Amino acid sequence: MEKENKIYIAGHRGMVGSALLRCLQAKGYTRLITRTSAELDLRDGAAVQRFFELEKPEYVFLAAAKVGGILANSQYPADFLYDNLAIQNHVIHQSYKHGVKKLLFLGSSCIYPKLAPQPLKEDSLLTGPLEPTNEAYAIAKIAGIKLCEAYRRQYGCHFISVMPTNLYGPNDNYDLQQSHVLPAILRKFHEAKVSGAKQVTLWGTGTPHREFLHADDLANACYFLMQHYDEAAFINIGVGTDITIRELAETVKRITEYKGDIIFDSSMPDGTPRKLMDVSKLTTLGWTAKTPLEEGIKNLYKEYFNQENI
């Protein structure tokens, strides 16, 4: 990508899209195209076609998606499947139709089978059953990967896919009905501290392992791959280390300075037992994450605390 290229960031208000926007702006790109969901409903195929005809982007980062945690995925599987299929189908197809030079599709680590060998290697895709609590979202993302591969094979499109691990960072979602584990835990501890609650109850047993990547690191990885990677096979993005949910909770408790107890409700689902990415393919290309987890959570808490006190 050159500085004068027109680059469309789909989903620029979300955590990933906003990180991509910051990254590209910091590197001197000025012809960045964005639309809010109110301005452009990516589920509307005719609207997406008109947008591509008007703007003619040369590069596309497809970070737009309907996202949520275990609760949201369990309650709204039809929405997660339909909305995400529609969004990615329309953007990928119009990128082909309008000669986009390169497209990067953001997937998710939930595409891997629930009991896939750890760490998760790219060739584990479709080798076993998915985690039921986020199956609809995972199926949509798998379809996106395969669609990029199909357009590359049939039409020669330079479409690549990346699979990030669990993410956190600025513009994260703190809604307890919709959020992922880290922002949900952070909010629970903060509210417990403010209210003086004697305990915080978290879902599950606390034993699942999770890996956490800062959104700014992900954006830098995507920029790096857009410049240096052009293969049909998707590629993992992560840090290569993980911690238990219990360890995460203790870390957040320490950062928020909450003094009460942590209770795990084992009657609630844990989700996948472990999700650790094998990032050897990415590190071989020359990229590694830079943000230590505790430093990243401290910065995230500052942002959340400031939002709460505006």
C-alpha atoms as a PDB file:
ATOM      1  CA  MET A   1       0.000   0.000   0.000  1.00  0.00           C
ATOM      2  CA  GLU A   2       1.177   3.480  -0.866  1.00  0.00           C
ATOM      3  CA  LYS A   3       0.271   6.651   1.016  1.00  0.00           C
ATOM      4  CA  GLU A   4      -1.878   7.875  -1.885  1.00  0.00           C
ATOM      5  CA  ASN A   5      -3.999   4.691  -2.075  1.00  0.00           C
ATOM      6  CA  LYS A   6      -7.685   4.811  -1.109  1.00  0.00           C
ATOM      7  CA  ILE A   7      -8.218   2.442   1.818  1.00  0.00           C
ATOM      8  CA  TYR A   8     -11.607   1.399   3.173  1.00  0.00           C
ATOM      9  CA  ILE A   9     -11.807   0.359   6.826  1.00  0.00           C
ATOM     10  CA  ALA A  10     -15.104  -1.482   7.329  1.00  0.00           C
ATOM     11  CA  GLY A  11     -16.103  -1.219  10.982  1.00  0.00           C
ATOM     12  CA  HIS A  12     -13.915   1.772  11.881  1.00  0.00           C
ATOM     13  CA  ARG A  13     -15.851   2.550  15.087  1.00  0.00           C
ATOM     14  CA  GLY A  14     -15.318  -0.871  16.614  1.00  0.00           C
ATOM     15  CA  MET A  15     -12.341  -1.878  18.694  1.00  0.00           C
ATOM     16  CA  VAL A  16     -10.434  -3.451  15.786  1.00  0.00           C
ATOM     17  CA  GLY A  17     -11.474  -0.964  13.123  1.00  0.00           C
ATOM     18  CA  SER A  18     -10.619   2.057  15.271  1.00  0.00           C
ATOM     19  CA  ALA A  19      -7.201   0.533  16.000  1.00  0.00           C
ATOM     20  CA  LEU A  20      -6.638   0.077  12.251  1.00  0.00           C
ATOM     21  CA  LEU A  21      -7.659   3.697  11.686  1.00  0.00           C
ATOM     22  CA  ARG A  22      -5.190   4.931  14.343  1.00  0.00           C
ATOM     23  CA  CYS A  23      -2.449   2.726  12.914  1.00  0.00           C
ATOM     24  CA  LEU A  24      -2.855   3.914   9.326  1.00  0.00           C
ATOM     25  CA  GLN A  25      -3.197   7.568  10.328  1.00  0.00           C
ATOM     26  CA  ALA A  26       0.003   7.295  12.395  1.00  0.00           C
ATOM     27  CA  LYS A  27       1.815   5.883   9.363  1.00  0.00           C
ATOM     28  CA  GLY A  28       0.765   8.814   7.187  1.00  0.00           C
ATOM     29  CA  TYR A  29      -2.157   7.394   5.195  1.00  0.00           C
ATOM     30  CA  THR A  30      -4.672  10.146   4.468  1.00  0.00           C
ATOM     31  CA  ARG A  31      -7.100   8.706   1.908  1.00  0.00           C
ATOM     32  CA  LEU A  32      -8.950   6.578   4.422  1.00  0.00           C
ATOM     33  CA  ILE A  33     -12.603   5.782   3.728  1.00  0.00           C
ATOM     34  CA  THR A  34     -15.011   5.152   6.597  1.00  0.00           C
ATOM     35  CA  ARG A  35     -18.753   4.850   7.073  1.00  0.00           C
ATOM     36  CA  THR A  36     -20.794   4.397  10.225  1.00  0.00           C
ATOM     37  CA  SER A  37     -23.419   1.661  10.262  1.00  0.00           C
ATOM     38  CA  ALA A  38     -26.061   4.403  10.091  1.00  0.00           C
ATOM     39  CA  GLU A  39     -24.452   5.755   6.917  1.00  0.00           C
ATOM     40  CA  LEU A  40     -23.916   2.336   5.307  1.00  0.00           C
ATOM     41  CA  ASP A  41     -25.677  -0.868   6.360  1.00  0.00           C
ATOM     42  CA  LEU A  42     -23.290  -3.568   5.188  1.00  0.00           C
ATOM     43  CA  ARG A  43     -26.125  -6.108   5.359  1.00  0.00           C
ATOM     44  CA  ASP A  44     -27.742  -4.249   2.433  1.00  0.00           C
ATOM     45  CA  GLY A  45     -26.173  -5.594  -0.757  1.00  0.00           C
ATOM     46  CA  ALA A  46     -27.457  -2.785  -2.994  1.00  0.00           C
ATOM     47  CA  ALA A  47     -26.135  -0.138  -0.596  1.00  0.00           C
ATOM     48  CA  VAL A  48     -22.704  -1.790  -0.490  1.00  0.00           C
ATOM     49  CA  GLN A  49     -22.622  -1.913  -4.295  1.00  0.00           C
ATOM     50  CA  ARG A  50     -23.429   1.803  -4.527  1.00  0.00           C
ATOM     51  CA  PHE A  51     -20.726   2.577  -1.968  1.00  0.00           C
ATOM     52  CA  PHE A  52     -18.041   0.719  -3.945  1.00  0.00           C
ATOM     53  CA  GLU A  53     -19.164   2.358  -7.194  1.00  0.00           C
ATOM     54  CA  LEU A  54     -18.866   5.788  -5.566  1.00  0.00           C
ATOM     55  CA  GLU A  55     -15.682   5.440  -3.505  1.00  0.00           C
ATOM     56  CA  LYS A  56     -13.673   2.881  -5.535  1.00  0.00           C
ATOM     57  CA  PRO A  57     -11.379   1.763  -2.667  1.00  0.00           C
ATOM     58  CA  GLU A  58      -8.089   0.146  -3.666  1.00  0.00           C
ATOM     59  CA  TYR A  59      -7.515  -1.707  -0.383  1.00  0.00           C
ATOM     60  CA  VAL A  60     -10.031  -3.023   2.143  1.00  0.00           C
ATOM     61  CA  PHE A  61      -9.712  -4.001   5.801  1.00  0.00           C
ATOM     62  CA  LEU A  62     -12.867  -5.967   6.649  1.00  0.00           C
ATOM     63  CA  ALA A  63     -13.212  -5.503  10.414  1.00  0.00           C
ATOM     64  CA  ALA A  64     -16.985  -4.996  10.505  1.00  0.00           C
ATOM     65  CA  ALA A  65     -18.912  -7.754  12.312  1.00  0.00           C
ATOM     66  CA  LYS A  66     -21.616  -8.445  14.840  1.00  0.00           C
ATOM     67  CA  VAL A  67     -19.688  -9.544  17.929  1.00  0.00           C
ATOM     68  CA  GLY A  68     -20.427 -10.587  21.514  1.00  0.00           C
ATOM     69  CA  GLY A  69     -19.579 -12.962  24.332  1.00  0.00           C
ATOM     70  CA  ILE A  70     -20.995 -16.347  25.351  1.00  0.00           C
ATOM     71  CA  LEU A  71     -24.362 -14.945  26.487  1.00  0.00           C
ATOM     72  CA  ALA A  72     -25.053 -12.944  23.324  1.00  0.00           C
ATOM     73  CA  ASN A  73     -23.941 -15.782  21.050  1.00  0.00           C
ATOM     74  CA  SER A  74     -26.156 -18.252  22.883  1.00  0.00           C
ATOM     75  CA  GLN A  75     -29.244 -16.017  22.817  1.00  0.00           C
ATOM     76  CA  TYR A  76     -29.021 -14.662  19.266  1.00  0.00           C
ATOM     77  CA  PRO A  77     -27.469 -17.344  17.010  1.00  0.00           C
ATOM     78  CA  ALA A  78     -29.618 -16.416  13.988  1.00  0.00           C
ATOM     79  CA  ASP A  79     -28.537 -12.772  14.211  1.00  0.00           C
ATOM     80  CA  PHE A  80     -24.873 -13.677  14.542  1.00  0.00           C
ATOM     81  CA  LEU A  81     -24.999 -16.050  11.590  1.00  0.00           C
ATOM     82  CA  TYR A  82     -27.168 -13.961   9.249  1.00  0.00           C
ATOM     83  CA  ASP A  83     -25.646 -10.545   9.940  1.00  0.00           C
ATOM     84  CA  ASN A  84     -22.040 -11.692   9.663  1.00  0.00           C
ATOM     85  CA  LEU A  85     -22.642 -13.735   6.515  1.00  0.00           C
ATOM     86  CA  ALA A  86     -24.383 -10.760   4.906  1.00  0.00           C
ATOM     87  CA  ILE A  87     -21.688  -8.248   5.894  1.00  0.00           C
ATOM     88  CA  GLN A  88     -18.734 -10.277   4.658  1.00  0.00           C
ATOM     89  CA  ASN A  89     -20.474 -11.615   1.536  1.00  0.00           C
ATOM     90  CA  HIS A  90     -21.355  -8.126   0.339  1.00  0.00           C
ATOM     91  CA  VAL A  91     -17.987  -6.520   1.064  1.00  0.00           C
ATOM     92  CA  ILE A  92     -15.932  -9.399  -0.357  1.00  0.00           C
ATOM     93  CA  HIS A  93     -18.050  -9.699  -3.494  1.00  0.00           C
ATOM     94  CA  GLN A  94     -18.023  -5.966  -4.232  1.00  0.00           C
ATOM     95  CA  SER A  95     -14.266  -5.884  -3.619  1.00  0.00           C
ATOM     96  CA  TYR A  96     -13.950  -8.470  -6.405  1.00  0.00           C
ATOM     97  CA  LYS A  97     -16.434  -6.684  -8.675  1.00  0.00           C
ATOM     98  CA  HIS A  98     -14.649  -3.329  -8.329  1.00  0.00           C
ATOM     99  CA  GLY A  99     -11.066  -4.537  -8.634  1.00  0.00           C
ATOM    100  CA  VAL A 100      -9.826  -4.020  -5.092  1.00  0.00           C
ATOM    101  CA  LYS A 101      -6.080  -4.675  -5.116  1.00  0.00           C
ATOM    102  CA  LYS A 102      -6.037  -6.440  -1.768  1.00  0.00           C
ATOM    103  CA  LEU A 103      -8.517  -7.256   1.004  1.00  0.00           C
ATOM    104  CA  LEU A 104      -7.788  -8.403   4.552  1.00  0.00           C
ATOM    105  CA  PHE A 105     -10.580 -10.322   6.291  1.00  0.00           C
ATOM    106  CA  LEU A 106     -10.642 -10.434  10.099  1.00  0.00           C
ATOM    107  CA  GLY A 107     -11.715 -13.816  11.425  1.00  0.00           C
ATOM    108  CA  SER A 108     -11.690 -15.138  14.984  1.00  0.00           C
ATOM    109  CA  SER A 109      -9.995 -17.871  16.988  1.00  0.00           C
ATOM    110  CA  CYS A 110     -13.423 -19.385  17.685  1.00  0.00           C
ATOM    111  CA  ILE A 111     -13.276 -20.952  14.203  1.00  0.00           C
ATOM    112  CA  TYR A 112     -11.201 -23.775  15.674  1.00  0.00           C
ATOM    113  CA  PRO A 113     -12.724 -27.013  17.003  1.00  0.00           C
ATOM    114  CA  LYS A 114     -13.524 -26.944  20.722  1.00  0.00           C
ATOM    115  CA  LEU A 115     -11.009 -29.681  21.516  1.00  0.00           C
ATOM    116  CA  ALA A 116      -8.377 -28.920  18.875  1.00  0.00           C
ATOM    117  CA  PRO A 117      -4.770 -29.617  19.944  1.00  0.00           C
ATOM    118  CA  GLN A 118      -3.087 -26.684  21.669  1.00  0.00           C
ATOM    119  CA  PRO A 119      -1.593 -24.377  20.643  1.00  0.00           C
ATOM    120  CA  LEU A 120      -4.032 -23.900  17.765  1.00  0.00           C
ATOM    121  CA  LYS A 121      -2.397 -24.404  14.388  1.00  0.00           C
ATOM    122  CA  GLU A 122      -3.918 -23.112  11.175  1.00  0.00           C
ATOM    123  CA  ASP A 123      -4.328 -26.638   9.793  1.00  0.00           C
ATOM    124  CA  SER A 124      -6.705 -27.579  12.652  1.00  0.00           C
ATOM    125  CA  LEU A 125      -9.595 -25.808  10.916  1.00  0.00           C
ATOM    126  CA  LEU A 126     -12.604 -28.116  10.280  1.00  0.00           C
ATOM    127  CA  THR A 127     -11.046 -31.080  12.061  1.00  0.00           C
ATOM    128  CA  GLY A 128     -13.700 -31.394  14.807  1.00  0.00           C
ATOM    129  CA  PRO A 129     -16.899 -29.981  16.368  1.00  0.00           C
ATOM    130  CA  LEU A 130     -17.046 -26.301  17.285  1.00  0.00           C
ATOM    131  CA  GLU A 131     -17.718 -24.840  20.734  1.00  0.00           C
ATOM    132  CA  PRO A 132     -21.569 -24.775  20.862  1.00  0.00           C
ATOM    133  CA  THR A 133     -21.821 -21.431  22.664  1.00  0.00           C
ATOM    134  CA  ASN A 134     -20.380 -19.481  19.716  1.00  0.00           C
ATOM    135  CA  GLU A 135     -21.014 -21.879  16.841  1.00  0.00           C
ATOM    136  CA  ALA A 136     -23.081 -19.430  14.742  1.00  0.00           C
ATOM    137  CA  TYR A 137     -20.380 -16.740  14.837  1.00  0.00           C
ATOM    138  CA  ALA A 138     -17.674 -19.302  14.115  1.00  0.00           C
ATOM    139  CA  ILE A 139     -19.512 -20.738  11.106  1.00  0.00           C
ATOM    140  CA  ALA A 140     -19.916 -17.259   9.637  1.00  0.00           C
ATOM    141  CA  LYS A 141     -16.208 -16.563  10.064  1.00  0.00           C
ATOM    142  CA  ILE A 142     -15.253 -19.914   8.530  1.00  0.00           C
ATOM    143  CA  ALA A 143     -17.463 -19.040   5.557  1.00  0.00           C
ATOM    144  CA  GLY A 144     -15.584 -15.732   5.234  1.00  0.00           C
ATOM    145  CA  ILE A 145     -12.244 -17.509   5.134  1.00  0.00           C
ATOM    146  CA  LYS A 146     -13.474 -19.927   2.508  1.00  0.00           C
ATOM    147  CA  LEU A 147     -15.028 -17.121   0.468  1.00  0.00           C
ATOM    148  CA  CYS A 148     -11.689 -15.283   0.343  1.00  0.00           C
ATOM    149  CA  GLU A 149      -9.969 -18.513  -0.696  1.00  0.00           C
ATOM    150  CA  ALA A 150     -12.603 -19.158  -3.379  1.00  0.00           C
ATOM    151  CA  TYR A 151     -12.354 -15.683  -4.912  1.00  0.00           C
ATOM    152  CA  ARG A 152      -8.572 -16.014  -4.952  1.00  0.00           C
ATOM    153  CA  ARG A 153      -8.740 -19.423  -6.645  1.00  0.00           C
ATOM    154  CA  GLN A 154     -11.491 -18.590  -9.151  1.00  0.00           C
ATOM    155  CA  TYR A 155     -10.743 -14.946  -9.925  1.00  0.00           C
ATOM    156  CA  GLY A 156      -7.153 -14.395  -8.796  1.00  0.00           C
ATOM    157  CA  CYS A 157      -8.159 -11.896  -6.098  1.00  0.00           C
ATOM    158  CA  HIS A 158      -5.515 -10.931  -3.544  1.00  0.00           C
ATOM    159  CA  PHE A 159      -7.748 -11.604  -0.549  1.00  0.00           C
ATOM    160  CA  ILE A 160      -6.132 -12.753   2.711  1.00  0.00           C
ATOM    161  CA  SER A 161      -7.585 -13.816   6.067  1.00  0.00           C
ATOM    162  CA  VAL A 162      -6.178 -13.423   9.570  1.00  0.00           C
ATOM    163  CA  MET A 163      -7.319 -15.100  12.787  1.00  0.00           C
ATOM    164  CA  PRO A 164      -6.760 -12.956  15.884  1.00  0.00           C
ATOM    165  CA  THR A 165      -6.883 -14.363  19.379  1.00  0.00           C
ATOM    166  CA  ASN A 166      -9.001 -12.752  22.157  1.00  0.00           C
ATOM    167  CA  LEU A 167      -8.730  -8.991  21.875  1.00  0.00           C
ATOM    168  CA  TYR A 168      -8.969  -6.011  24.208  1.00  0.00           C
ATOM    169  CA  GLY A 169      -8.254  -2.300  23.954  1.00  0.00           C
ATOM    170  CA  PRO A 170      -9.757   1.162  23.357  1.00  0.00           C
ATOM    171  CA  ASN A 171     -13.390   1.243  22.201  1.00  0.00           C
ATOM    172  CA  ASP A 172     -14.086  -2.175  23.680  1.00  0.00           C
ATOM    173  CA  ASN A 173     -17.663  -3.110  24.598  1.00  0.00           C
ATOM    174  CA  TYR A 174     -18.430  -3.081  28.346  1.00  0.00           C
ATOM    175  CA  ASP A 175     -22.091  -4.100  28.082  1.00  0.00           C
ATOM    176  CA  LEU A 176     -22.374  -7.160  30.349  1.00  0.00           C
ATOM    177  CA  GLN A 177     -24.935  -8.729  27.971  1.00  0.00           C
ATOM    178  CA  GLN A 178     -22.721  -8.349  24.911  1.00  0.00           C
ATOM    179  CA  SER A 179     -19.076  -8.021  25.972  1.00  0.00           C
ATOM    180  CA  HIS A 180     -16.179 -10.449  25.947  1.00  0.00           C
ATOM    181  CA  VAL A 181     -14.548 -11.766  29.088  1.00  0.00           C
ATOM    182  CA  LEU A 182     -11.877  -9.144  29.851  1.00  0.00           C
ATOM    183  CA  PRO A 183     -14.014  -5.961  29.595  1.00  0.00           C
ATOM    184  CA  ALA A 184     -16.853  -7.733  31.417  1.00  0.00           C
ATOM    185  CA  ILE A 185     -14.561  -8.682  34.310  1.00  0.00           C
ATOM    186  CA  LEU A 186     -13.053  -5.199  34.421  1.00  0.00           C
ATOM    187  CA  ARG A 187     -16.481  -3.583  34.641  1.00  0.00           C
ATOM    188  CA  LYS A 188     -17.660  -6.014  37.328  1.00  0.00           C
ATOM    189  CA  PHE A 189     -14.654  -5.306  39.549  1.00  0.00           C
ATOM    190  CA  HIS A 190     -14.910  -1.553  39.059  1.00  0.00           C
ATOM    191  CA  GLU A 191     -18.621  -1.496  39.926  1.00  0.00           C
ATOM    192  CA  ALA A 192     -18.041  -3.749  42.927  1.00  0.00           C
ATOM    193  CA  LYS A 193     -15.318  -1.426  44.163  1.00  0.00           C
ATOM    194  CA  VAL A 194     -17.523   1.659  43.747  1.00  0.00           C
ATOM    195  CA  SER A 195     -20.539   0.024  45.430  1.00  0.00           C
ATOM    196  CA  GLY A 196     -18.516  -1.592  48.213  1.00  0.00           C
ATOM    197  CA  ALA A 197     -19.693  -5.111  47.294  1.00  0.00           C
ATOM    198  CA  LYS A 198     -18.021  -7.835  49.311  1.00  0.00           C
ATOM    199  CA  GLN A 199     -17.676 -10.256  46.395  1.00  0.00           C
ATOM    200  CA  VAL A 200     -17.649 -10.475  42.600  1.00  0.00           C
ATOM    201  CA  THR A 201     -19.241 -13.516  40.971  1.00  0.00           C
ATOM    202  CA  LEU A 202     -17.852 -14.681  37.633  1.00  0.00           C
ATOM    203  CA  TRP A 203     -19.135 -17.336  35.247  1.00  0.00           C
ATOM    204  CA  GLY A 204     -17.619 -20.807  35.120  1.00  0.00           C
ATOM    205  CA  THR A 205     -14.834 -22.461  37.052  1.00  0.00           C
ATOM    206  CA  GLY A 206     -12.008 -20.041  36.331  1.00  0.00           C
ATOM    207  CA  THR A 207      -9.921 -22.840  34.828  1.00  0.00           C
ATOM    208  CA  PRO A 208     -10.164 -22.128  31.054  1.00  0.00           C
ATOM    209  CA  HIS A 209      -7.042 -20.656  29.510  1.00  0.00           C
ATOM    210  CA  ARG A 210      -7.225 -17.595  27.313  1.00  0.00           C
ATOM    211  CA  GLU A 211      -4.718 -15.554  25.332  1.00  0.00           C
ATOM    212  CA  PHE A 212      -5.158 -11.771  25.082  1.00  0.00           C
ATOM    213  CA  LEU A 213      -3.861  -9.465  22.359  1.00  0.00           C
ATOM    214  CA  HIS A 214      -4.075  -5.671  22.460  1.00  0.00           C
ATOM    215  CA  ALA A 215      -6.065  -4.206  19.560  1.00  0.00           C
ATOM    216  CA  ASP A 216      -3.214  -1.850  18.647  1.00  0.00           C
ATOM    217  CA  ASP A 217      -0.891  -4.839  18.293  1.00  0.00           C
ATOM    218  CA  LEU A 218      -3.475  -6.529  16.081  1.00  0.00           C
ATOM    219  CA  ALA A 219      -3.717  -3.413  13.894  1.00  0.00           C
ATOM    220  CA  ASN A 220       0.051  -3.335  13.491  1.00  0.00           C
ATOM    221  CA  ALA A 221       0.040  -7.027  12.584  1.00  0.00           C
ATOM    222  CA  CYS A 222      -2.686  -6.470   9.975  1.00  0.00           C
ATOM    223  CA  TYR A 223      -0.734  -3.586   8.464  1.00  0.00           C
ATOM    224  CA  PHE A 224       2.401  -5.743   8.403  1.00  0.00           C
ATOM    225  CA  LEU A 225       0.558  -8.618   6.704  1.00  0.00           C
ATOM    226  CA  MET A 226      -1.109  -6.345   4.165  1.00  0.00           C
ATOM    227  CA  GLN A 227       2.409  -5.327   3.153  1.00  0.00           C
ATOM    228  CA  HIS A 228       4.202  -8.660   3.409  1.00  0.00           C
ATOM    229  CA  TYR A 229       1.737 -11.566   3.102  1.00  0.00           C
ATOM    230  CA  ASP A 230      -0.221 -12.755   0.078  1.00  0.00           C
ATOM    231  CA  GLU A 231      -1.200 -16.416   0.382  1.00  0.00           C
ATOM    232  CA  ALA A 232      -4.496 -18.271   0.282  1.00  0.00           C
ATOM    233  CA  ALA A 233      -3.959 -19.872   3.707  1.00  0.00           C
ATOM    234  CA  PHE A 234      -5.122 -17.801   6.664  1.00  0.00           C
ATOM    235  CA  ILE A 235      -2.685 -16.853   9.407  1.00  0.00           C
ATOM    236  CA  ASN A 236      -2.992 -16.664  13.207  1.00  0.00           C
ATOM    237  CA  ILE A 237      -2.321 -13.445  15.125  1.00  0.00           C
ATOM    238  CA  GLY A 238      -1.636 -13.674  18.849  1.00  0.00           C
ATOM    239  CA  VAL A 239       0.987 -13.372  21.562  1.00  0.00           C
ATOM    240  CA  GLY A 240       1.759 -17.072  21.983  1.00  0.00           C
ATOM    241  CA  THR A 241       1.115 -17.217  25.764  1.00  0.00           C
ATOM    242  CA  ASP A 242      -2.066 -17.579  27.834  1.00  0.00           C
ATOM    243  CA  ILE A 243      -3.414 -17.370  31.392  1.00  0.00           C
ATOM    244  CA  THR A 244      -6.388 -18.875  33.228  1.00  0.00           C
ATOM    245  CA  ILE A 245      -9.567 -16.864  33.741  1.00  0.00           C
ATOM    246  CA  ARG A 246      -8.850 -17.041  37.479  1.00  0.00           C
ATOM    247  CA  GLU A 247      -5.406 -15.490  36.907  1.00  0.00           C
ATOM    248  CA  LEU A 248      -6.991 -12.836  34.713  1.00  0.00           C
ATOM    249  CA  ALA A 249      -9.532 -12.062  37.433  1.00  0.00           C
ATOM    250  CA  GLU A 250      -6.779 -11.726  40.062  1.00  0.00           C
ATOM    251  CA  THR A 251      -4.875  -9.371  37.739  1.00  0.00           C
ATOM    252  CA  VAL A 252      -7.933  -7.178  37.148  1.00  0.00           C
ATOM    253  CA  LYS A 253      -8.722  -7.216  40.881  1.00  0.00           C
ATOM    254  CA  ARG A 254      -5.229  -5.927  41.597  1.00  0.00           C
ATOM    255  CA  ILE A 255      -5.356  -3.227  38.891  1.00  0.00           C
ATOM    256  CA  THR A 256      -8.788  -1.950  39.988  1.00  0.00           C
ATOM    257  CA  GLU A 257      -7.747  -2.165  43.668  1.00  0.00           C
ATOM    258  CA  TYR A 258     -10.865  -4.117  44.566  1.00  0.00           C
ATOM    259  CA  LYS A 259     -10.623  -5.617  48.080  1.00  0.00           C
ATOM    260  CA  GLY A 260     -13.458  -8.188  48.121  1.00  0.00           C
ATOM    261  CA  ASP A 261     -13.632 -11.868  47.197  1.00  0.00           C
ATOM    262  CA  ILE A 262     -13.856 -13.579  43.819  1.00  0.00           C
ATOM    263  CA  ILE A 263     -16.548 -16.258  43.481  1.00  0.00           C
ATOM    264  CA  PHE A 264     -16.791 -18.570  40.453  1.00  0.00           C
ATOM    265  CA  ASP A 265     -20.248 -19.896  39.564  1.00  0.00           C
ATOM    266  CA  SER A 266     -19.506 -23.362  38.203  1.00  0.00           C
ATOM    267  CA  SER A 267     -23.140 -23.816  37.130  1.00  0.00           C
ATOM    268  CA  MET A 268     -22.490 -21.374  34.291  1.00  0.00           C
ATOM    269  CA  PRO A 269     -20.621 -22.351  31.075  1.00  0.00           C
ATOM    270  CA  ASP A 270     -16.857 -22.105  30.700  1.00  0.00           C
ATOM    271  CA  GLY A 271     -16.737 -22.119  26.918  1.00  0.00           C
ATOM    272  CA  THR A 272     -13.738 -23.660  25.191  1.00  0.00           C
ATOM    273  CA  PRO A 273     -11.260 -25.118  27.736  1.00  0.00           C
ATOM    274  CA  ARG A 274      -8.271 -23.452  26.121  1.00  0.00           C
ATOM    275  CA  LYS A 275      -7.578 -21.136  23.211  1.00  0.00           C
ATOM    276  CA  LEU A 276      -3.897 -20.506  22.601  1.00  0.00           C
ATOM    277  CA  MET A 277      -2.743 -19.607  19.110  1.00  0.00           C
ATOM    278  CA  ASP A 278       0.287 -21.080  17.414  1.00  0.00           C
ATOM    279  CA  VAL A 279       1.841 -17.904  16.016  1.00  0.00           C
ATOM    280  CA  SER A 280       5.009 -19.486  14.630  1.00  0.00           C
ATOM    281  CA  LYS A 281       3.939 -18.729  11.053  1.00  0.00           C
ATOM    282  CA  LEU A 282       3.617 -15.031  11.882  1.00  0.00           C
ATOM    283  CA  THR A 283       6.799 -14.768  13.929  1.00  0.00           C
ATOM    284  CA  THR A 284       8.725 -16.456  11.113  1.00  0.00           C
ATOM    285  CA  LEU A 285       7.602 -13.611   8.857  1.00  0.00           C
ATOM    286  CA  GLY A 286       9.098 -11.153  11.365  1.00  0.00           C
ATOM    287  CA  TRP A 287       6.235  -9.842  13.538  1.00  0.00           C
ATOM    288  CA  THR A 288       5.658 -10.184  17.297  1.00  0.00           C
ATOM    289  CA  ALA A 289       3.265  -8.462  19.728  1.00  0.00           C
ATOM    290  CA  LYS A 290       4.651  -5.624  21.866  1.00  0.00           C
ATOM    291  CA  THR A 291       2.105  -4.840  24.629  1.00  0.00           C
ATOM    292  CA  PRO A 292       2.459  -6.725  27.962  1.00  0.00           C
ATOM    293  CA  LEU A 293      -0.955  -7.838  29.253  1.00  0.00           C
ATOM    294  CA  GLU A 294      -0.828  -6.073  32.625  1.00  0.00           C
ATOM    295  CA  GLU A 295       0.275  -2.797  31.013  1.00  0.00           C
ATOM    296  CA  GLY A 296      -2.509  -3.118  28.451  1.00  0.00           C
ATOM    297  CA  ILE A 297      -5.168  -3.754  31.120  1.00  0.00           C
ATOM    298  CA  LYS A 298      -3.940  -0.781  33.179  1.00  0.00           C
ATOM    299  CA  ASN A 299      -4.358   1.488  30.160  1.00  0.00           C
ATOM    300  CA  LEU A 300      -7.768  -0.040  29.425  1.00  0.00           C
ATOM    301  CA  TYR A 301      -8.900   0.614  33.005  1.00  0.00           C
ATOM    302  CA  LYS A 302      -7.803   4.245  32.744  1.00  0.00           C
ATOM    303  CA  GLU A 303      -9.933   4.626  29.632  1.00  0.00           C
ATOM    304  CA  TYR A 304     -12.937   2.937  31.255  1.00  0.00           C
ATOM    305  CA  PHE A 305     -12.553   4.929  34.490  1.00  0.00           C
ATOM    306  CA  ASN A 306     -12.374   8.182  32.523  1.00  0.00           C
ATOM    307  CA  GLN A 307     -15.506   7.236  30.575  1.00  0.00           C
ATOM    308  CA  GLU A 308     -17.345   6.499  33.807  1.00  0.00           C
ATOM    309  CA  ASN A 309     -16.374   9.878  35.262  1.00  0.00           C
ATOM    310  CA  ILE A 310     -17.091  12.161  32.312  1.00  0.00           C
END
